[in-house]
Amino acid sequence: MTMHLERLAVAHLEAVAALEESGQVHPWRRATLAQALADDTLEVWGAWRDAALLGYAVLAWLPFEAELQAITVAPNARRQGIAGMLLVHLLARARQGGAERLLLEVRESNAPALALYRQYGFDEDGRRRDYYPPVETRGGKREAAVLMSTSFKARAVD
């Protein structure tokens, strides 16, 4: 059972939608997923083990920057390094594509994701208060989005 990454297309919509429904508290709508898979300013990458899609991530190209718009791993495949594999791939894609930095935002209560992003050199840039809708299992309150980025530009040395 080997793991491989593959750029996803509209033909993968069913697999992506099923994964999104299984792994997210507030999943993307099917139409949003279809648009992402068809949009040439986005790259959607999937992590496959044999014929099973275990995770995917969305990279958006912006002027001078790239943004990680989503990263999702199937609940039964978490803690196996899949998110890290996807993140490393998107970091390389962003750097190779000429982005000066990679941006993302994450729900403040998502401790595993925050730890992953920090492990790969992301720093907190700020917060958007009350950004995410409430989740009943997390007290039913709106949550802040933690804004993070990592830079690819060489830092000036004093």
C-alpha atoms as a PDB file:
ATOM      1  CA  MET A   1       0.000   0.000   0.000  1.00  0.00           C
ATOM      2  CA  THR A   2       1.903   2.980  -1.301  1.00  0.00           C
ATOM      3  CA  MET A   3       0.957   6.608  -0.837  1.00  0.00           C
ATOM      4  CA  HIS A   4       1.152   9.012  -3.752  1.00  0.00           C
ATOM      5  CA  LEU A   5       0.125  12.596  -4.483  1.00  0.00           C
ATOM      6  CA  GLU A   6      -1.828  13.530  -7.575  1.00  0.00           C
ATOM      7  CA  ARG A   7      -3.271  16.777  -8.871  1.00  0.00           C
ATOM      8  CA  LEU A   8      -7.030  16.411  -8.776  1.00  0.00           C
ATOM      9  CA  ALA A   9      -9.542  17.392 -11.462  1.00  0.00           C
ATOM     10  CA  VAL A  10     -13.313  17.568 -11.849  1.00  0.00           C
ATOM     11  CA  ALA A  11     -13.321  13.808 -12.481  1.00  0.00           C
ATOM     12  CA  HIS A  12     -12.358  13.378  -8.796  1.00  0.00           C
ATOM     13  CA  LEU A  13     -15.359  15.348  -7.477  1.00  0.00           C
ATOM     14  CA  GLU A  14     -17.137  12.322  -5.961  1.00  0.00           C
ATOM     15  CA  ALA A  15     -14.063  11.214  -4.002  1.00  0.00           C
ATOM     16  CA  VAL A  16     -13.301  14.763  -2.808  1.00  0.00           C
ATOM     17  CA  ALA A  17     -16.926  15.418  -1.800  1.00  0.00           C
ATOM     18  CA  ALA A  18     -17.106  12.145   0.153  1.00  0.00           C
ATOM     19  CA  LEU A  19     -13.860  12.963   1.955  1.00  0.00           C
ATOM     20  CA  GLU A  20     -15.010  16.506   2.724  1.00  0.00           C
ATOM     21  CA  GLU A  21     -18.306  15.247   4.172  1.00  0.00           C
ATOM     22  CA  SER A  22     -16.511  12.714   6.368  1.00  0.00           C
ATOM     23  CA  GLY A  23     -13.825  15.006   7.684  1.00  0.00           C
ATOM     24  CA  GLN A  24     -15.166  18.509   8.207  1.00  0.00           C
ATOM     25  CA  VAL A  25     -17.396  20.155  10.773  1.00  0.00           C
ATOM     26  CA  HIS A  26     -18.484  22.734   8.183  1.00  0.00           C
ATOM     27  CA  PRO A  27     -17.753  21.053   4.837  1.00  0.00           C
ATOM     28  CA  TRP A  28     -17.399  22.869   1.551  1.00  0.00           C
ATOM     29  CA  ARG A  29     -20.472  22.536  -0.624  1.00  0.00           C
ATOM     30  CA  ARG A  30     -20.330  20.216  -3.614  1.00  0.00           C
ATOM     31  CA  ALA A  31     -20.633  23.195  -6.009  1.00  0.00           C
ATOM     32  CA  THR A  32     -17.690  24.927  -4.284  1.00  0.00           C
ATOM     33  CA  LEU A  33     -15.602  21.774  -4.609  1.00  0.00           C
ATOM     34  CA  ALA A  34     -16.520  21.460  -8.303  1.00  0.00           C
ATOM     35  CA  GLN A  35     -15.493  25.085  -8.900  1.00  0.00           C
ATOM     36  CA  ALA A  36     -12.185  24.557  -7.081  1.00  0.00           C
ATOM     37  CA  LEU A  37     -11.397  21.467  -9.143  1.00  0.00           C
ATOM     38  CA  ALA A  38     -12.133  23.362 -12.393  1.00  0.00           C
ATOM     39  CA  ASP A  39     -10.421  26.669 -11.486  1.00  0.00           C
ATOM     40  CA  ASP A  40      -7.028  27.167 -13.144  1.00  0.00           C
ATOM     41  CA  THR A  41      -5.932  29.616 -10.418  1.00  0.00           C
ATOM     42  CA  LEU A  42      -6.199  26.785  -7.880  1.00  0.00           C
ATOM     43  CA  GLU A  43      -4.333  23.537  -7.499  1.00  0.00           C
ATOM     44  CA  VAL A  44      -6.095  20.717  -5.688  1.00  0.00           C
ATOM     45  CA  TRP A  45      -3.768  17.896  -4.656  1.00  0.00           C
ATOM     46  CA  GLY A  46      -4.876  14.539  -3.323  1.00  0.00           C
ATOM     47  CA  ALA A  47      -3.072  11.963  -1.214  1.00  0.00           C
ATOM     48  CA  TRP A  48      -3.994   8.465  -2.329  1.00  0.00           C
ATOM     49  CA  ARG A  49      -3.307   5.045  -0.897  1.00  0.00           C
ATOM     50  CA  ASP A  50      -4.130   2.609  -3.642  1.00  0.00           C
ATOM     51  CA  ALA A  51      -7.598   3.708  -4.852  1.00  0.00           C
ATOM     52  CA  ALA A  52      -8.563   5.545  -1.643  1.00  0.00           C
ATOM     53  CA  LEU A  53      -8.377   9.330  -1.389  1.00  0.00           C
ATOM     54  CA  LEU A  54      -7.145   9.937   2.168  1.00  0.00           C
ATOM     55  CA  GLY A  55      -6.553  13.676   2.062  1.00  0.00           C
ATOM     56  CA  TYR A  56      -6.514  16.712  -0.149  1.00  0.00           C
ATOM     57  CA  ALA A  57      -5.305  20.300  -0.081  1.00  0.00           C
ATOM     58  CA  VAL A  58      -6.138  23.414  -2.084  1.00  0.00           C
ATOM     59  CA  LEU A  59      -3.497  25.939  -3.136  1.00  0.00           C
ATOM     60  CA  ALA A  60      -4.614  29.318  -4.528  1.00  0.00           C
ATOM     61  CA  TRP A  61      -2.332  31.539  -6.568  1.00  0.00           C
ATOM     62  CA  LEU A  62      -2.433  35.242  -5.718  1.00  0.00           C
ATOM     63  CA  PRO A  63      -0.252  38.104  -6.949  1.00  0.00           C
ATOM     64  CA  PHE A  64       3.149  37.527  -5.276  1.00  0.00           C
ATOM     65  CA  GLU A  65       1.715  34.994  -2.797  1.00  0.00           C
ATOM     66  CA  ALA A  66      -0.015  31.668  -2.541  1.00  0.00           C
ATOM     67  CA  GLU A  67      -2.693  30.635  -0.056  1.00  0.00           C
ATOM     68  CA  LEU A  68      -3.463  27.277   1.482  1.00  0.00           C
ATOM     69  CA  GLN A  69      -7.260  27.366   1.297  1.00  0.00           C
ATOM     70  CA  ALA A  70      -8.011  23.924   2.668  1.00  0.00           C
ATOM     71  CA  ILE A  71      -6.387  20.789   3.913  1.00  0.00           C
ATOM     72  CA  THR A  72      -8.510  17.805   4.885  1.00  0.00           C
ATOM     73  CA  VAL A  73      -7.603  14.274   5.933  1.00  0.00           C
ATOM     74  CA  ALA A  74     -10.067  11.423   6.366  1.00  0.00           C
ATOM     75  CA  PRO A  75     -10.796  10.842  10.057  1.00  0.00           C
ATOM     76  CA  ASN A  76      -9.542   7.227   9.901  1.00  0.00           C
ATOM     77  CA  ALA A  77      -6.261   8.351   8.274  1.00  0.00           C
ATOM     78  CA  ARG A  78      -5.293  11.155  10.652  1.00  0.00           C
ATOM     79  CA  ARG A  79      -2.014  11.123  12.604  1.00  0.00           C
ATOM     80  CA  GLN A  80      -0.296   9.236   9.765  1.00  0.00           C
ATOM     81  CA  GLY A  81       1.638  12.156   8.238  1.00  0.00           C
ATOM     82  CA  ILE A  82      -0.751  12.789   5.357  1.00  0.00           C
ATOM     83  CA  ALA A  83      -1.381  16.460   6.181  1.00  0.00           C
ATOM     84  CA  GLY A  84       2.367  16.987   6.529  1.00  0.00           C
ATOM     85  CA  MET A  85       3.009  15.330   3.167  1.00  0.00           C
ATOM     86  CA  LEU A  86       0.417  17.563   1.503  1.00  0.00           C
ATOM     87  CA  LEU A  87       1.764  20.659   3.238  1.00  0.00           C
ATOM     88  CA  VAL A  88       5.375  19.937   2.223  1.00  0.00           C
ATOM     89  CA  HIS A  89       4.214  19.472  -1.374  1.00  0.00           C
ATOM     90  CA  LEU A  90       2.277  22.754  -1.398  1.00  0.00           C
ATOM     91  CA  LEU A  91       5.200  24.612   0.182  1.00  0.00           C
ATOM     92  CA  ALA A  92       7.404  23.340  -2.646  1.00  0.00           C
ATOM     93  CA  ARG A  93       4.795  24.221  -5.300  1.00  0.00           C
ATOM     94  CA  ALA A  94       4.404  27.751  -3.899  1.00  0.00           C
ATOM     95  CA  ARG A  95       8.167  28.284  -3.763  1.00  0.00           C
ATOM     96  CA  GLN A  96       8.678  26.873  -7.282  1.00  0.00           C
ATOM     97  CA  GLY A  97       5.812  29.019  -8.569  1.00  0.00           C
ATOM     98  CA  GLY A  98       7.550  32.192  -7.402  1.00  0.00           C
ATOM     99  CA  ALA A  99       5.350  33.026  -4.424  1.00  0.00           C
ATOM    100  CA  GLU A 100       7.029  35.245  -1.846  1.00  0.00           C
ATOM    101  CA  ARG A 101       5.069  33.575   0.946  1.00  0.00           C
ATOM    102  CA  LEU A 102       2.361  31.043   1.681  1.00  0.00           C
ATOM    103  CA  LEU A 103      -0.648  32.248   3.674  1.00  0.00           C
ATOM    104  CA  LEU A 104      -3.315  30.319   5.570  1.00  0.00           C
ATOM    105  CA  GLU A 105      -5.937  30.671   8.247  1.00  0.00           C
ATOM    106  CA  VAL A 106      -7.012  28.075  10.767  1.00  0.00           C
ATOM    107  CA  ARG A 107      -9.651  27.773  13.471  1.00  0.00           C
ATOM    108  CA  GLU A 108      -8.062  28.754  16.805  1.00  0.00           C
ATOM    109  CA  SER A 109      -9.186  25.506  18.488  1.00  0.00           C
ATOM    110  CA  ASN A 110      -7.541  23.309  15.840  1.00  0.00           C
ATOM    111  CA  ALA A 111      -4.467  22.485  17.922  1.00  0.00           C
ATOM    112  CA  PRO A 112      -3.160  19.680  15.654  1.00  0.00           C
ATOM    113  CA  ALA A 113      -3.223  21.977  12.603  1.00  0.00           C
ATOM    114  CA  LEU A 114      -1.617  24.862  14.496  1.00  0.00           C
ATOM    115  CA  ALA A 115       1.172  22.549  15.665  1.00  0.00           C
ATOM    116  CA  LEU A 116       1.693  21.248  12.118  1.00  0.00           C
ATOM    117  CA  TYR A 117       1.912  24.731  10.636  1.00  0.00           C
ATOM    118  CA  ARG A 118       4.342  25.912  13.311  1.00  0.00           C
ATOM    119  CA  GLN A 119       6.465  22.799  12.733  1.00  0.00           C
ATOM    120  CA  TYR A 120       6.824  23.818   9.087  1.00  0.00           C
ATOM    121  CA  GLY A 121       7.840  27.416   9.799  1.00  0.00           C
ATOM    122  CA  PHE A 122       4.545  29.298   9.799  1.00  0.00           C
ATOM    123  CA  ASP A 123       4.234  32.288  12.123  1.00  0.00           C
ATOM    124  CA  GLU A 124       1.056  33.888  13.407  1.00  0.00           C
ATOM    125  CA  ASP A 125       0.304  37.178  11.640  1.00  0.00           C
ATOM    126  CA  GLY A 126      -2.928  38.069  13.424  1.00  0.00           C
ATOM    127  CA  ARG A 127      -6.459  36.918  14.160  1.00  0.00           C
ATOM    128  CA  ARG A 128      -9.949  37.489  12.823  1.00  0.00           C
ATOM    129  CA  ARG A 129     -12.240  37.547  15.838  1.00  0.00           C
ATOM    130  CA  ASP A 130     -15.494  35.579  15.679  1.00  0.00           C
ATOM    131  CA  TYR A 131     -14.706  34.432  12.140  1.00  0.00           C
ATOM    132  CA  TYR A 132     -15.691  30.757  12.185  1.00  0.00           C
ATOM    133  CA  PRO A 133     -19.275  29.632  12.816  1.00  0.00           C
ATOM    134  CA  PRO A 134     -20.029  27.882  16.101  1.00  0.00           C
ATOM    135  CA  VAL A 135     -19.420  24.176  16.588  1.00  0.00           C
ATOM    136  CA  GLU A 136     -21.607  22.530  19.210  1.00  0.00           C
ATOM    137  CA  THR A 137     -18.819  20.235  20.407  1.00  0.00           C
ATOM    138  CA  ARG A 138     -16.656  23.290  21.081  1.00  0.00           C
ATOM    139  CA  GLY A 139     -19.071  25.215  23.286  1.00  0.00           C
ATOM    140  CA  GLY A 140     -21.260  26.630  20.534  1.00  0.00           C
ATOM    141  CA  LYS A 141     -19.361  29.947  20.263  1.00  0.00           C
ATOM    142  CA  ARG A 142     -17.889  31.582  17.196  1.00  0.00           C
ATOM    143  CA  GLU A 143     -14.120  31.196  16.978  1.00  0.00           C
ATOM    144  CA  ALA A 144     -11.264  33.324  15.757  1.00  0.00           C
ATOM    145  CA  ALA A 145      -9.288  32.522  12.637  1.00  0.00           C
ATOM    146  CA  VAL A 146      -5.550  32.458  13.252  1.00  0.00           C
ATOM    147  CA  LEU A 147      -3.794  34.047  10.260  1.00  0.00           C
ATOM    148  CA  MET A 148      -0.398  32.504   9.530  1.00  0.00           C
ATOM    149  CA  SER A 149       2.271  32.696   6.860  1.00  0.00           C
ATOM    150  CA  THR A 150       5.746  31.550   5.975  1.00  0.00           C
ATOM    151  CA  SER A 151       8.072  33.526   3.755  1.00  0.00           C
ATOM    152  CA  PHE A 152      10.240  32.243   0.916  1.00  0.00           C
ATOM    153  CA  LYS A 153      12.140  35.483   0.415  1.00  0.00           C
ATOM    154  CA  ALA A 154      15.676  35.609   1.712  1.00  0.00           C
ATOM    155  CA  ARG A 155      15.720  37.576   4.909  1.00  0.00           C
ATOM    156  CA  ALA A 156      18.026  40.562   5.086  1.00  0.00           C
ATOM    157  CA  VAL A 157      21.015  40.107   7.360  1.00  0.00           C
ATOM    158  CA  ASP A 158      22.044  43.100   9.467  1.00  0.00           C
END
